[in-house]
Every structure is written in C-alpha cells, then in structure tokens.
Amino acid sequence: MSTLVADGFDDAILGYLDTPGGLVVVYDKHRMIGQLMDQDCMSRGEAVEFLEFNTWGAYPGAGAPVYLERADRGIIDLLVSQREGSDD
C-alpha cells in the first residue's frame, strides 16, 4: 500500500497512523481550513465547502489520509449519544 498525502497541506500534518496495511498520514481539519482562509482568501464557509468536496470527501484508495476533527470529551460524548439515539 502506498502512503498518500494531501498536496499542499504539509503544515496541517499531525502525524501518522501505523496500520497493518501501512502508514496513514493524519491531518488537522482546522489547520487545513485556516490555511485556505489565509492563503486563498476564502471565507470559513468557502474553505469548508472546498475541502469537503475536493479533499475530505474523496477516497483515493488504500493509504488515503485521515482528516482529524479536534474535540474534547464533552463533544465526543455528545456525538456518541446522538449517534446512538439515531439507531432507534
């Protein structure tokens, strides 16, 4: 498996995951948004829309990067309870 990267977002790399299939690069979504806002003069909404369509929503195959959404325990608990509630 080849390790794939998101071109132009090296400053948003948090690290990597060492999986049984190989290394997977981990990116910080917040940093990626900020980079587009700064470098391309996009609004936050424009940056999110661009990344959702062109980067985060793409699956180029095995070795694809992971895009991390930072959250604290409270947010994690809220998301888990929402998803568990939607299974009913």
C-alpha atoms as a PDB file:
ATOM      1  CA  MET A   1       0.000   0.000   0.000  1.00  0.00           C
ATOM      2  CA  SER A   2       1.262   3.462  -0.884  1.00  0.00           C
ATOM      3  CA  THR A   3       1.029   6.225   1.700  1.00  0.00           C
ATOM      4  CA  LEU A   4      -0.968   9.054   0.131  1.00  0.00           C
ATOM      5  CA  VAL A   5      -0.737  12.738   1.090  1.00  0.00           C
ATOM      6  CA  ALA A   6      -2.949  15.784   0.633  1.00  0.00           C
ATOM      7  CA  ASP A   7      -0.835  18.013  -1.603  1.00  0.00           C
ATOM      8  CA  GLY A   8      -0.168  21.481  -0.259  1.00  0.00           C
ATOM      9  CA  PHE A   9      -1.205  20.765   3.330  1.00  0.00           C
ATOM     10  CA  ASP A  10       2.094  19.722   4.928  1.00  0.00           C
ATOM     11  CA  ASP A  11       1.635  22.338   7.683  1.00  0.00           C
ATOM     12  CA  ALA A  12      -1.604  20.601   8.716  1.00  0.00           C
ATOM     13  CA  ILE A  13       0.015  17.208   9.324  1.00  0.00           C
ATOM     14  CA  LEU A  14      -0.432  15.999  12.894  1.00  0.00           C
ATOM     15  CA  GLY A  15       1.377  12.709  12.443  1.00  0.00           C
ATOM     16  CA  TYR A  16       0.644   9.246  11.169  1.00  0.00           C
ATOM     17  CA  LEU A  17      -1.110   6.004  11.990  1.00  0.00           C
ATOM     18  CA  ASP A  18       0.909   2.820  11.730  1.00  0.00           C
ATOM     19  CA  THR A  19      -1.736   0.385  10.481  1.00  0.00           C
ATOM     20  CA  PRO A  20      -1.354  -3.257   9.465  1.00  0.00           C
ATOM     21  CA  GLY A  21      -1.680  -2.070   5.868  1.00  0.00           C
ATOM     22  CA  GLY A  22       0.990   0.627   6.148  1.00  0.00           C
ATOM     23  CA  LEU A  23       1.390   4.229   7.232  1.00  0.00           C
ATOM     24  CA  VAL A  24      -1.558   6.644   7.005  1.00  0.00           C
ATOM     25  CA  VAL A  25      -0.973  10.404   7.292  1.00  0.00           C
ATOM     26  CA  VAL A  26      -3.213  12.292   9.760  1.00  0.00           C
ATOM     27  CA  TYR A  27      -4.226  15.900   9.036  1.00  0.00           C
ATOM     28  CA  ASP A  28      -5.820  18.540  11.264  1.00  0.00           C
ATOM     29  CA  LYS A  29      -9.039  19.766   9.597  1.00  0.00           C
ATOM     30  CA  HIS A  30      -8.910  23.069  11.498  1.00  0.00           C
ATOM     31  CA  ARG A  31      -5.408  23.820  10.211  1.00  0.00           C
ATOM     32  CA  MET A  32      -6.442  22.954   6.661  1.00  0.00           C
ATOM     33  CA  ILE A  33      -9.373  25.369   6.862  1.00  0.00           C
ATOM     34  CA  GLY A  34      -7.126  28.097   8.267  1.00  0.00           C
ATOM     35  CA  GLN A  35      -4.578  27.566   5.529  1.00  0.00           C
ATOM     36  CA  LEU A  36      -7.162  28.073   2.775  1.00  0.00           C
ATOM     37  CA  MET A  37      -8.554  31.129   4.554  1.00  0.00           C
ATOM     38  CA  ASP A  38      -5.072  32.665   4.829  1.00  0.00           C
ATOM     39  CA  GLN A  39      -3.507  31.671   1.525  1.00  0.00           C
ATOM     40  CA  ASP A  40      -6.518  31.735  -0.786  1.00  0.00           C
ATOM     41  CA  CYS A  41      -8.544  34.462   0.961  1.00  0.00           C
ATOM     42  CA  MET A  42     -11.516  32.112   1.367  1.00  0.00           C
ATOM     43  CA  SER A  43     -14.193  32.590   3.989  1.00  0.00           C
ATOM     44  CA  ARG A  44     -14.513  29.794   6.546  1.00  0.00           C
ATOM     45  CA  GLY A  45     -17.615  28.507   4.743  1.00  0.00           C
ATOM     46  CA  GLU A  46     -15.879  28.541   1.368  1.00  0.00           C
ATOM     47  CA  ALA A  47     -12.858  26.705   2.773  1.00  0.00           C
ATOM     48  CA  VAL A  48     -15.012  24.026   4.422  1.00  0.00           C
ATOM     49  CA  GLU A  49     -17.085  23.554   1.268  1.00  0.00           C
ATOM     50  CA  PHE A  50     -13.949  23.291  -0.885  1.00  0.00           C
ATOM     51  CA  LEU A  51     -12.319  20.757   1.426  1.00  0.00           C
ATOM     52  CA  GLU A  52     -15.484  18.679   1.874  1.00  0.00           C
ATOM     53  CA  PHE A  53     -15.921  18.370  -1.874  1.00  0.00           C
ATOM     54  CA  ASN A  54     -12.316  18.126  -3.054  1.00  0.00           C
ATOM     55  CA  THR A  55     -10.387  16.541  -0.206  1.00  0.00           C
ATOM     56  CA  TRP A  56     -12.262  15.130   2.785  1.00  0.00           C
ATOM     57  CA  GLY A  57     -14.977  13.529   0.677  1.00  0.00           C
ATOM     58  CA  ALA A  58     -12.542  11.882  -1.716  1.00  0.00           C
ATOM     59  CA  TYR A  59     -11.369   8.326  -1.200  1.00  0.00           C
ATOM     60  CA  PRO A  60      -8.401   7.654  -3.442  1.00  0.00           C
ATOM     61  CA  GLY A  61      -7.966   4.109  -2.123  1.00  0.00           C
ATOM     62  CA  ALA A  62      -5.779   2.270   0.342  1.00  0.00           C
ATOM     63  CA  GLY A  63      -3.323   4.520   2.131  1.00  0.00           C
ATOM     64  CA  ALA A  64      -5.667   7.516   1.953  1.00  0.00           C
ATOM     65  CA  PRO A  65      -5.065  10.216   4.567  1.00  0.00           C
ATOM     66  CA  VAL A  66      -7.223  10.636   7.663  1.00  0.00           C
ATOM     67  CA  TYR A  67      -8.663  14.071   8.500  1.00  0.00           C
ATOM     68  CA  LEU A  68      -8.986  14.676  12.227  1.00  0.00           C
ATOM     69  CA  GLU A  69     -11.629  16.855  13.831  1.00  0.00           C
ATOM     70  CA  ARG A  70     -10.290  18.006  17.213  1.00  0.00           C
ATOM     71  CA  ALA A  71     -12.715  17.550  20.088  1.00  0.00           C
ATOM     72  CA  ASP A  72     -12.769  17.285  23.864  1.00  0.00           C
ATOM     73  CA  ARG A  73     -14.508  14.561  25.878  1.00  0.00           C
ATOM     74  CA  GLY A  74     -17.751  16.549  26.103  1.00  0.00           C
ATOM     75  CA  ILE A  75     -18.037  16.769  22.321  1.00  0.00           C
ATOM     76  CA  ILE A  76     -17.211  13.073  21.936  1.00  0.00           C
ATOM     77  CA  ASP A  77     -19.892  12.118  24.473  1.00  0.00           C
ATOM     78  CA  LEU A  78     -22.438  14.327  22.689  1.00  0.00           C
ATOM     79  CA  LEU A  79     -21.659  12.814  19.285  1.00  0.00           C
ATOM     80  CA  VAL A  80     -21.837   9.278  20.650  1.00  0.00           C
ATOM     81  CA  SER A  81     -25.211   9.912  22.300  1.00  0.00           C
ATOM     82  CA  GLN A  82     -26.566  11.490  19.095  1.00  0.00           C
ATOM     83  CA  ARG A  83     -25.486   8.521  17.001  1.00  0.00           C
ATOM     84  CA  GLU A  84     -26.821   6.002  19.484  1.00  0.00           C
ATOM     85  CA  GLY A  85     -30.135   7.875  19.521  1.00  0.00           C
ATOM     86  CA  SER A  86     -30.358   7.784  15.719  1.00  0.00           C
ATOM     87  CA  ASP A  87     -30.166   3.960  15.686  1.00  0.00           C
ATOM     88  CA  ASP A  88     -33.693   3.687  17.127  1.00  0.00           C
END
